[in-house]
Each structure stands twice: as structure tokens, then as C-alpha cells.
Amino acid sequence: MVIAAIAPHFWSAVEDCLVTFHHLTRCEASETVTGLWRRLPLTLDDSNPAFSDMIYHAEPWQIACNLADNDLPIADHQPEYQTLLEG
């Protein structure tokens, strides 16, 4: 299943974006990310696989920008963001 394979890396990338680009502390970023995935609808499970994969089609960058309420242009940070994703 897609979620099980990518979820840890995806959420880690969101957290790293919050720390690196939005200057949250690691603790603040972790709490913010954990708060989001805990609020996700309960339908994010095996009973509705099409819906459960939807959030993972977004870029971690965009999720982080939304959580930080700060829409940074990705083009200004593309090399550093790419390195973050590969790490």
C-alpha cells in the first residue's frame, strides 16, 4: 500500500520543511505535523484507498507552507528543498 511505504518519509519531509524554511523549532514542527495527521479524517485507512492516498499527492513543501501559513515560492528554495527530500 502506498501510504505505508511513503508516510514516514512524507511527514518527515513536511517537518523538515517547517524547520528549515519556516524556522520552527524541531519540537514545534513535530507538534504541528502530529496535530495535522491526527486531525485527518478517519477515512484515511484501508476502507477508502483512493481518498487515503490523496494527501500524499501534495508536495511536502505545500503542506508545510499551509501549516506555517506562509506561502513561500518553491523556486527560491528548490536546490535546498530537493536535498531535503533526498536526505
PDB file of N, CA and C in Angstrom:
ATOM      1  N   MET A   1       0.839  -1.179   0.000  1.00  0.00           N
ATOM      2  CA  MET A   1       0.000   0.000   0.000  1.00  0.00           C
ATOM      3  C   MET A   1       0.889   1.249   0.000  1.00  0.00           C
ATOM      4  N   VAL A   2       0.496   2.226  -0.741  1.00  0.00           N
ATOM      5  CA  VAL A   2       1.277   3.442  -0.912  1.00  0.00           C
ATOM      6  C   VAL A   2       1.514   4.140   0.428  1.00  0.00           C
ATOM      7  N   ILE A   3       0.491   4.274   1.234  1.00  0.00           N
ATOM      8  CA  ILE A   3       0.610   5.019   2.485  1.00  0.00           C
ATOM      9  C   ILE A   3       1.680   4.433   3.389  1.00  0.00           C
ATOM     10  N   ALA A   4       1.644   3.157   3.601  1.00  0.00           N
ATOM     11  CA  ALA A   4       2.615   2.517   4.497  1.00  0.00           C
ATOM     12  C   ALA A   4       4.035   2.717   4.008  1.00  0.00           C
ATOM     13  N   ALA A   5       4.213   2.767   2.715  1.00  0.00           N
ATOM     14  CA  ALA A   5       5.560   2.886   2.149  1.00  0.00           C
ATOM     15  C   ALA A   5       6.109   4.311   2.214  1.00  0.00           C
ATOM     16  N   ILE A   6       5.252   5.312   2.052  1.00  0.00           N
ATOM     17  CA  ILE A   6       5.758   6.679   1.954  1.00  0.00           C
ATOM     18  C   ILE A   6       5.422   7.572   3.139  1.00  0.00           C
ATOM     19  N   ALA A   7       4.475   7.198   3.967  1.00  0.00           N
ATOM     20  CA  ALA A   7       4.013   8.079   5.045  1.00  0.00           C
ATOM     21  C   ALA A   7       5.137   8.578   5.950  1.00  0.00           C
ATOM     22  N   PRO A   8       5.998   7.710   6.466  1.00  0.00           N
ATOM     23  CA  PRO A   8       7.048   8.230   7.362  1.00  0.00           C
ATOM     24  C   PRO A   8       7.972   9.248   6.681  1.00  0.00           C
ATOM     25  N   HIS A   9       8.372   8.971   5.450  1.00  0.00           N
ATOM     26  CA  HIS A   9       9.245   9.893   4.719  1.00  0.00           C
ATOM     27  C   HIS A   9       8.509  11.198   4.413  1.00  0.00           C
ATOM     28  N   PHE A  10       7.254  11.110   4.023  1.00  0.00           N
ATOM     29  CA  PHE A  10       6.450  12.277   3.689  1.00  0.00           C
ATOM     30  C   PHE A  10       6.345  13.223   4.888  1.00  0.00           C
ATOM     31  N   TRP A  11       5.926  12.680   6.033  1.00  0.00           N
ATOM     32  CA  TRP A  11       5.735  13.520   7.221  1.00  0.00           C
ATOM     33  C   TRP A  11       7.062  14.044   7.747  1.00  0.00           C
ATOM     34  N   SER A  12       8.117  13.288   7.607  1.00  0.00           N
ATOM     35  CA  SER A  12       9.437  13.758   7.998  1.00  0.00           C
ATOM     36  C   SER A  12       9.859  14.937   7.120  1.00  0.00           C
ATOM     37  N   ALA A  13       9.569  14.862   5.838  1.00  0.00           N
ATOM     38  CA  ALA A  13       9.899  15.953   4.914  1.00  0.00           C
ATOM     39  C   ALA A  13       9.093  17.208   5.245  1.00  0.00           C
ATOM     40  N   VAL A  14       7.817  17.043   5.600  1.00  0.00           N
ATOM     41  CA  VAL A  14       6.997  18.191   5.997  1.00  0.00           C
ATOM     42  C   VAL A  14       7.621  18.843   7.233  1.00  0.00           C
ATOM     43  N   GLU A  15       7.967  18.019   8.204  1.00  0.00           N
ATOM     44  CA  GLU A  15       8.579  18.536   9.434  1.00  0.00           C
ATOM     45  C   GLU A  15       9.900  19.245   9.124  1.00  0.00           C
ATOM     46  N   ASP A  16      10.726  18.642   8.292  1.00  0.00           N
ATOM     47  CA  ASP A  16      11.999  19.259   7.919  1.00  0.00           C
ATOM     48  C   ASP A  16      11.790  20.593   7.209  1.00  0.00           C
ATOM     49  N   CYS A  17      10.771  20.680   6.379  1.00  0.00           N
ATOM     50  CA  CYS A  17      10.455  21.947   5.705  1.00  0.00           C
ATOM     51  C   CYS A  17      10.069  23.022   6.719  1.00  0.00           C
ATOM     52  N   LEU A  18       9.284  22.637   7.705  1.00  0.00           N
ATOM     53  CA  LEU A  18       8.880  23.602   8.730  1.00  0.00           C
ATOM     54  C   LEU A  18      10.084  24.139   9.489  1.00  0.00           C
ATOM     55  N   VAL A  19      11.039  23.273   9.766  1.00  0.00           N
ATOM     56  CA  VAL A  19      12.244  23.682  10.493  1.00  0.00           C
ATOM     57  C   VAL A  19      13.161  24.501   9.590  1.00  0.00           C
ATOM     58  N   THR A  20      13.433  23.996   8.413  1.00  0.00           N
ATOM     59  CA  THR A  20      14.419  24.602   7.516  1.00  0.00           C
ATOM     60  C   THR A  20      13.940  25.904   6.881  1.00  0.00           C
ATOM     61  N   PHE A  21      12.719  25.920   6.390  1.00  0.00           N
ATOM     62  CA  PHE A  21      12.253  27.061   5.608  1.00  0.00           C
ATOM     63  C   PHE A  21      11.324  28.007   6.371  1.00  0.00           C
ATOM     64  N   HIS A  22      10.674  27.504   7.413  1.00  0.00           N
ATOM     65  CA  HIS A  22       9.727  28.334   8.162  1.00  0.00           C
ATOM     66  C   HIS A  22      10.231  28.631   9.572  1.00  0.00           C
ATOM     67  N   HIS A  23      11.411  28.127   9.887  1.00  0.00           N
ATOM     68  CA  HIS A  23      12.131  28.451  11.123  1.00  0.00           C
ATOM     69  C   HIS A  23      11.378  28.095  12.407  1.00  0.00           C
ATOM     70  N   LEU A  24      10.596  27.012  12.358  1.00  0.00           N
ATOM     71  CA  LEU A  24      10.021  26.483  13.582  1.00  0.00           C
ATOM     72  C   LEU A  24      11.092  25.663  14.286  1.00  0.00           C
ATOM     73  N   THR A  25      10.981  25.533  15.585  1.00  0.00           N
ATOM     74  CA  THR A  25      11.878  24.626  16.282  1.00  0.00           C
ATOM     75  C   THR A  25      11.481  23.208  15.913  1.00  0.00           C
ATOM     76  N   ARG A  26      12.366  22.265  16.127  1.00  0.00           N
ATOM     77  CA  ARG A  26      12.043  20.867  15.820  1.00  0.00           C
ATOM     78  C   ARG A  26      10.816  20.431  16.620  1.00  0.00           C
ATOM     79  N   CYS A  27      10.737  20.841  17.871  1.00  0.00           N
ATOM     80  CA  CYS A  27       9.599  20.473  18.712  1.00  0.00           C
ATOM     81  C   CYS A  27       8.293  21.073  18.172  1.00  0.00           C
ATOM     82  N   GLU A  28       8.322  22.350  17.787  1.00  0.00           N
ATOM     83  CA  GLU A  28       7.134  22.994  17.225  1.00  0.00           C
ATOM     84  C   GLU A  28       6.706  22.309  15.929  1.00  0.00           C
ATOM     85  N   ALA A  29       7.671  22.003  15.079  1.00  0.00           N
ATOM     86  CA  ALA A  29       7.367  21.348  13.808  1.00  0.00           C
ATOM     87  C   ALA A  29       6.768  19.968  14.039  1.00  0.00           C
ATOM     88  N   SER A  30       7.344  19.222  14.950  1.00  0.00           N
ATOM     89  CA  SER A  30       6.839  17.889  15.255  1.00  0.00           C
ATOM     90  C   SER A  30       5.409  17.946  15.782  1.00  0.00           C
ATOM     91  N   GLU A  31       5.140  18.873  16.683  1.00  0.00           N
ATOM     92  CA  GLU A  31       3.788  19.022  17.226  1.00  0.00           C
ATOM     93  C   GLU A  31       2.795  19.440  16.147  1.00  0.00           C
ATOM     94  N   THR A  32       3.222  20.319  15.258  1.00  0.00           N
ATOM     95  CA  THR A  32       2.354  20.796  14.177  1.00  0.00           C
ATOM     96  C   THR A  32       2.001  19.658  13.224  1.00  0.00           C
ATOM     97  N   VAL A  33       3.005  18.888  12.826  1.00  0.00           N
ATOM     98  CA  VAL A  33       2.784  17.769  11.904  1.00  0.00           C
ATOM     99  C   VAL A  33       1.924  16.693  12.569  1.00  0.00           C
ATOM    100  N   THR A  34       2.249  16.357  13.793  1.00  0.00           N
ATOM    101  CA  THR A  34       1.477  15.338  14.509  1.00  0.00           C
ATOM    102  C   THR A  34       0.032  15.787  14.672  1.00  0.00           C
ATOM    103  N   GLY A  35      -0.167  17.054  14.963  1.00  0.00           N
ATOM    104  CA  GLY A  35      -1.525  17.581  15.088  1.00  0.00           C
ATOM    105  C   GLY A  35      -2.315  17.439  13.796  1.00  0.00           C
ATOM    106  N   LEU A  36      -1.661  17.679  12.664  1.00  0.00           N
ATOM    107  CA  LEU A  36      -2.358  17.542  11.383  1.00  0.00           C
ATOM    108  C   LEU A  36      -2.743  16.105  11.119  1.00  0.00           C
ATOM    109  N   TRP A  37      -1.793  15.176  11.208  1.00  0.00           N
ATOM    110  CA  TRP A  37      -2.162  13.818  10.823  1.00  0.00           C
ATOM    111  C   TRP A  37      -3.116  13.196  11.812  1.00  0.00           C
ATOM    112  N   ARG A  38      -3.171  13.702  13.031  1.00  0.00           N
ATOM    113  CA  ARG A  38      -4.184  13.214  13.980  1.00  0.00           C
ATOM    114  C   ARG A  38      -5.568  13.752  13.651  1.00  0.00           C
ATOM    115  N   ARG A  39      -5.611  14.916  13.012  1.00  0.00           N
ATOM    116  CA  ARG A  39      -6.895  15.511  12.628  1.00  0.00           C
ATOM    117  C   ARG A  39      -7.423  14.985  11.294  1.00  0.00           C
ATOM    118  N   LEU A  40      -6.583  14.290  10.552  1.00  0.00           N
ATOM    119  CA  LEU A  40      -7.025  13.775   9.260  1.00  0.00           C
ATOM    120  C   LEU A  40      -8.250  12.890   9.468  1.00  0.00           C
ATOM    121  N   PRO A  41      -9.155  12.921   8.525  1.00  0.00           N
ATOM    122  CA  PRO A  41     -10.366  12.107   8.664  1.00  0.00           C
ATOM    123  C   PRO A  41     -10.046  10.639   8.886  1.00  0.00           C
ATOM    124  N   LEU A  42     -10.903  10.002   9.618  1.00  0.00           N
ATOM    125  CA  LEU A  42     -10.727   8.584   9.895  1.00  0.00           C
ATOM    126  C   LEU A  42     -10.808   7.736   8.641  1.00  0.00           C
ATOM    127  N   THR A  43     -11.236   8.334   7.546  1.00  0.00           N
ATOM    128  CA  THR A  43     -11.315   7.588   6.294  1.00  0.00           C
ATOM    129  C   THR A  43      -9.948   7.359   5.672  1.00  0.00           C
ATOM    130  N   LEU A  44      -8.919   7.891   6.286  1.00  0.00           N
ATOM    131  CA  LEU A  44      -7.576   7.641   5.764  1.00  0.00           C
ATOM    132  C   LEU A  44      -7.102   6.271   6.221  1.00  0.00           C
ATOM    133  N   ASP A  45      -7.791   5.253   5.780  1.00  0.00           N
ATOM    134  CA  ASP A  45      -7.425   3.892   6.136  1.00  0.00           C
ATOM    135  C   ASP A  45      -7.711   2.981   4.957  1.00  0.00           C
ATOM    136  N   ASP A  46      -7.639   1.695   5.167  1.00  0.00           N
ATOM    137  CA  ASP A  46      -7.812   0.728   4.085  1.00  0.00           C
ATOM    138  C   ASP A  46      -9.215   0.708   3.505  1.00  0.00           C
ATOM    139  N   SER A  47     -10.214   1.270   4.187  1.00  0.00           N
ATOM    140  CA  SER A  47     -11.576   1.207   3.686  1.00  0.00           C
ATOM    141  C   SER A  47     -11.814   2.141   2.508  1.00  0.00           C
ATOM    142  N   ASN A  48     -10.977   3.119   2.324  1.00  0.00           N
ATOM    143  CA  ASN A  48     -11.138   4.069   1.225  1.00  0.00           C
ATOM    144  C   ASN A  48      -9.769   4.420   0.654  1.00  0.00           C
ATOM    145  N   PRO A  49      -9.150   3.495  -0.059  1.00  0.00           N
ATOM    146  CA  PRO A  49      -7.777   3.721  -0.517  1.00  0.00           C
ATOM    147  C   PRO A  49      -7.613   4.914  -1.444  1.00  0.00           C
ATOM    148  N   ALA A  50      -8.609   5.248  -2.259  1.00  0.00           N
ATOM    149  CA  ALA A  50      -8.467   6.390  -3.157  1.00  0.00           C
ATOM    150  C   ALA A  50      -8.329   7.677  -2.353  1.00  0.00           C
ATOM    151  N   PHE A  51      -9.156   7.847  -1.339  1.00  0.00           N
ATOM    152  CA  PHE A  51      -9.086   9.046  -0.511  1.00  0.00           C
ATOM    153  C   PHE A  51      -7.838   9.039   0.351  1.00  0.00           C
ATOM    154  N   SER A  52      -7.459   7.887   0.844  1.00  0.00           N
ATOM    155  CA  SER A  52      -6.322   7.808   1.753  1.00  0.00           C
ATOM    156  C   SER A  52      -5.010   8.192   1.072  1.00  0.00           C
ATOM    157  N   ASP A  53      -4.911   8.025  -0.222  1.00  0.00           N
ATOM    158  CA  ASP A  53      -3.691   8.389  -0.945  1.00  0.00           C
ATOM    159  C   ASP A  53      -3.653   9.866  -1.350  1.00  0.00           C
ATOM    160  N   MET A  54      -4.791  10.566  -1.258  1.00  0.00           N
ATOM    161  CA  MET A  54      -4.875  11.928  -1.783  1.00  0.00           C
ATOM    162  C   MET A  54      -3.874  12.890  -1.149  1.00  0.00           C
ATOM    163  N   ILE A  55      -3.729  12.868   0.148  1.00  0.00           N
ATOM    164  CA  ILE A  55      -2.835  13.834   0.791  1.00  0.00           C
ATOM    165  C   ILE A  55      -1.395  13.633   0.334  1.00  0.00           C
ATOM    166  N   TYR A  56      -1.051  12.416  -0.013  1.00  0.00           N
ATOM    167  CA  TYR A  56       0.316  12.120  -0.410  1.00  0.00           C
ATOM    168  C   TYR A  56       0.614  12.523  -1.852  1.00  0.00           C
ATOM    169  N   HIS A  57      -0.370  13.078  -2.537  1.00  0.00           N
ATOM    170  CA  HIS A  57      -0.131  13.620  -3.872  1.00  0.00           C
ATOM    171  C   HIS A  57       0.339  15.069  -3.798  1.00  0.00           C
ATOM    172  N   ALA A  58       0.179  15.684  -2.636  1.00  0.00           N
ATOM    173  CA  ALA A  58       0.674  17.045  -2.433  1.00  0.00           C
ATOM    174  C   ALA A  58       2.174  16.983  -2.144  1.00  0.00           C
ATOM    175  N   GLU A  59       2.837  18.064  -2.389  1.00  0.00           N
ATOM    176  CA  GLU A  59       4.252  18.172  -2.053  1.00  0.00           C
ATOM    177  C   GLU A  59       4.378  18.452  -0.563  1.00  0.00           C
ATOM    178  N   PRO A  60       5.343  17.837   0.102  1.00  0.00           N
ATOM    179  CA  PRO A  60       5.595  18.194   1.498  1.00  0.00           C
ATOM    180  C   PRO A  60       5.798  19.708   1.660  1.00  0.00           C
ATOM    181  N   TRP A  61       6.416  20.331   0.660  1.00  0.00           N
ATOM    182  CA  TRP A  61       6.620  21.780   0.668  1.00  0.00           C
ATOM    183  C   TRP A  61       5.298  22.509   0.874  1.00  0.00           C
ATOM    184  N   GLN A  62       4.277  22.135   0.089  1.00  0.00           N
ATOM    185  CA  GLN A  62       2.999  22.836   0.152  1.00  0.00           C
ATOM    186  C   GLN A  62       2.284  22.579   1.477  1.00  0.00           C
ATOM    187  N   ILE A  63       2.365  21.353   1.982  1.00  0.00           N
ATOM    188  CA  ILE A  63       1.754  21.048   3.272  1.00  0.00           C
ATOM    189  C   ILE A  63       2.412  21.900   4.352  1.00  0.00           C
ATOM    190  N   ALA A  64       3.737  21.999   4.321  1.00  0.00           N
ATOM    191  CA  ALA A  64       4.457  22.809   5.302  1.00  0.00           C
ATOM    192  C   ALA A  64       4.071  24.287   5.188  1.00  0.00           C
ATOM    193  N   CYS A  65       3.988  24.795   3.974  1.00  0.00           N
ATOM    194  CA  CYS A  65       3.587  26.192   3.787  1.00  0.00           C
ATOM    195  C   CYS A  65       2.191  26.433   4.350  1.00  0.00           C
ATOM    196  N   ASN A  66       1.294  25.504   4.113  1.00  0.00           N
ATOM    197  CA  ASN A  66      -0.060  25.639   4.641  1.00  0.00           C
ATOM    198  C   ASN A  66      -0.055  25.618   6.163  1.00  0.00           C
ATOM    199  N   LEU A  67       0.698  24.698   6.751  1.00  0.00           N
ATOM    200  CA  LEU A  67       0.759  24.601   8.205  1.00  0.00           C
ATOM    201  C   LEU A  67       1.384  25.847   8.830  1.00  0.00           C
ATOM    202  N   ALA A  68       2.374  26.419   8.163  1.00  0.00           N
ATOM    203  CA  ALA A  68       3.051  27.607   8.671  1.00  0.00           C
ATOM    204  C   ALA A  68       2.302  28.892   8.313  1.00  0.00           C
ATOM    205  N   ASP A  69       1.274  28.767   7.475  1.00  0.00           N
ATOM    206  CA  ASP A  69       0.528  29.926   6.979  1.00  0.00           C
ATOM    207  C   ASP A  69       1.487  30.945   6.354  1.00  0.00           C
ATOM    208  N   ASN A  70       2.371  30.390   5.514  1.00  0.00           N
ATOM    209  CA  ASN A  70       3.406  31.200   4.871  1.00  0.00           C
ATOM    210  C   ASN A  70       3.715  30.577   3.513  1.00  0.00           C
ATOM    211  N   ASP A  71       3.143  31.119   2.466  1.00  0.00           N
ATOM    212  CA  ASP A  71       3.280  30.541   1.127  1.00  0.00           C
ATOM    213  C   ASP A  71       4.571  30.997   0.456  1.00  0.00           C
ATOM    214  N   LEU A  72       5.655  30.304   0.782  1.00  0.00           N
ATOM    215  CA  LEU A  72       6.957  30.620   0.187  1.00  0.00           C
ATOM    216  C   LEU A  72       7.021  30.097  -1.245  1.00  0.00           C
ATOM    217  N   PRO A  73       7.647  30.849  -2.150  1.00  0.00           N
ATOM    218  CA  PRO A  73       7.825  30.350  -3.517  1.00  0.00           C
ATOM    219  C   PRO A  73       8.891  29.253  -3.536  1.00  0.00           C
ATOM    220  N   ILE A  74       8.522  28.105  -4.026  1.00  0.00           N
ATOM    221  CA  ILE A  74       9.440  26.964  -4.048  1.00  0.00           C
ATOM    222  C   ILE A  74      10.657  27.232  -4.933  1.00  0.00           C
ATOM    223  N   ALA A  75      10.484  28.013  -5.987  1.00  0.00           N
ATOM    224  CA  ALA A  75      11.585  28.276  -6.916  1.00  0.00           C
ATOM    225  C   ALA A  75      12.777  28.923  -6.212  1.00  0.00           C
ATOM    226  N   ASP A  76      12.497  29.720  -5.187  1.00  0.00           N
ATOM    227  CA  ASP A  76      13.578  30.390  -4.460  1.00  0.00           C
ATOM    228  C   ASP A  76      14.389  29.432  -3.590  1.00  0.00           C
ATOM    229  N   HIS A  77      13.863  28.238  -3.365  1.00  0.00           N
ATOM    230  CA  HIS A  77      14.484  27.286  -2.437  1.00  0.00           C
ATOM    231  C   HIS A  77      14.636  25.888  -3.041  1.00  0.00           C
ATOM    232  N   GLN A  78      14.471  25.760  -4.339  1.00  0.00           N
ATOM    233  CA  GLN A  78      14.424  24.449  -4.985  1.00  0.00           C
ATOM    234  C   GLN A  78      15.643  23.565  -4.694  1.00  0.00           C
ATOM    235  N   PRO A  79      16.869  24.058  -4.818  1.00  0.00           N
ATOM    236  CA  PRO A  79      18.014  23.157  -4.570  1.00  0.00           C
ATOM    237  C   PRO A  79      18.038  22.614  -3.131  1.00  0.00           C
ATOM    238  N   GLU A  80      17.801  23.493  -2.163  1.00  0.00           N
ATOM    239  CA  GLU A  80      17.814  23.068  -0.762  1.00  0.00           C
ATOM    240  C   GLU A  80      16.647  22.119  -0.473  1.00  0.00           C
ATOM    241  N   TYR A  81      15.495  22.392  -1.069  1.00  0.00           N
ATOM    242  CA  TYR A  81      14.331  21.521  -0.891  1.00  0.00           C
ATOM    243  C   TYR A  81      14.604  20.144  -1.493  1.00  0.00           C
ATOM    244  N   GLN A  82      15.186  20.094  -2.661  1.00  0.00           N
ATOM    245  CA  GLN A  82      15.497  18.825  -3.305  1.00  0.00           C
ATOM    246  C   GLN A  82      16.455  18.009  -2.449  1.00  0.00           C
ATOM    247  N   THR A  83      17.453  18.661  -1.875  1.00  0.00           N
ATOM    248  CA  THR A  83      18.399  17.991  -0.987  1.00  0.00           C
ATOM    249  C   THR A  83      17.682  17.442   0.239  1.00  0.00           C
ATOM    250  N   LEU A  84      16.761  18.217   0.780  1.00  0.00           N
ATOM    251  CA  LEU A  84      15.977  17.771   1.931  1.00  0.00           C
ATOM    252  C   LEU A  84      15.194  16.507   1.599  1.00  0.00           C
ATOM    253  N   LEU A  85      14.576  16.476   0.415  1.00  0.00           N
ATOM    254  CA  LEU A  85      13.783  15.311   0.010  1.00  0.00           C
ATOM    255  C   LEU A  85      14.649  14.071  -0.190  1.00  0.00           C
ATOM    256  N   GLU A  86      15.861  14.262  -0.627  1.00  0.00           N
ATOM    257  CA  GLU A  86      16.752  13.139  -0.899  1.00  0.00           C
ATOM    258  C   GLU A  86      17.423  12.608   0.358  1.00  0.00           C
ATOM    259  N   GLY A  87      17.390  13.403   1.433  1.00  0.00           N
ATOM    260  CA  GLY A  87      18.075  13.041   2.667  1.00  0.00           C
ATOM    261  C   GLY A  87      17.441  12.001   3.492  1.00  0.00           C
TER     262      GLY A  87
END
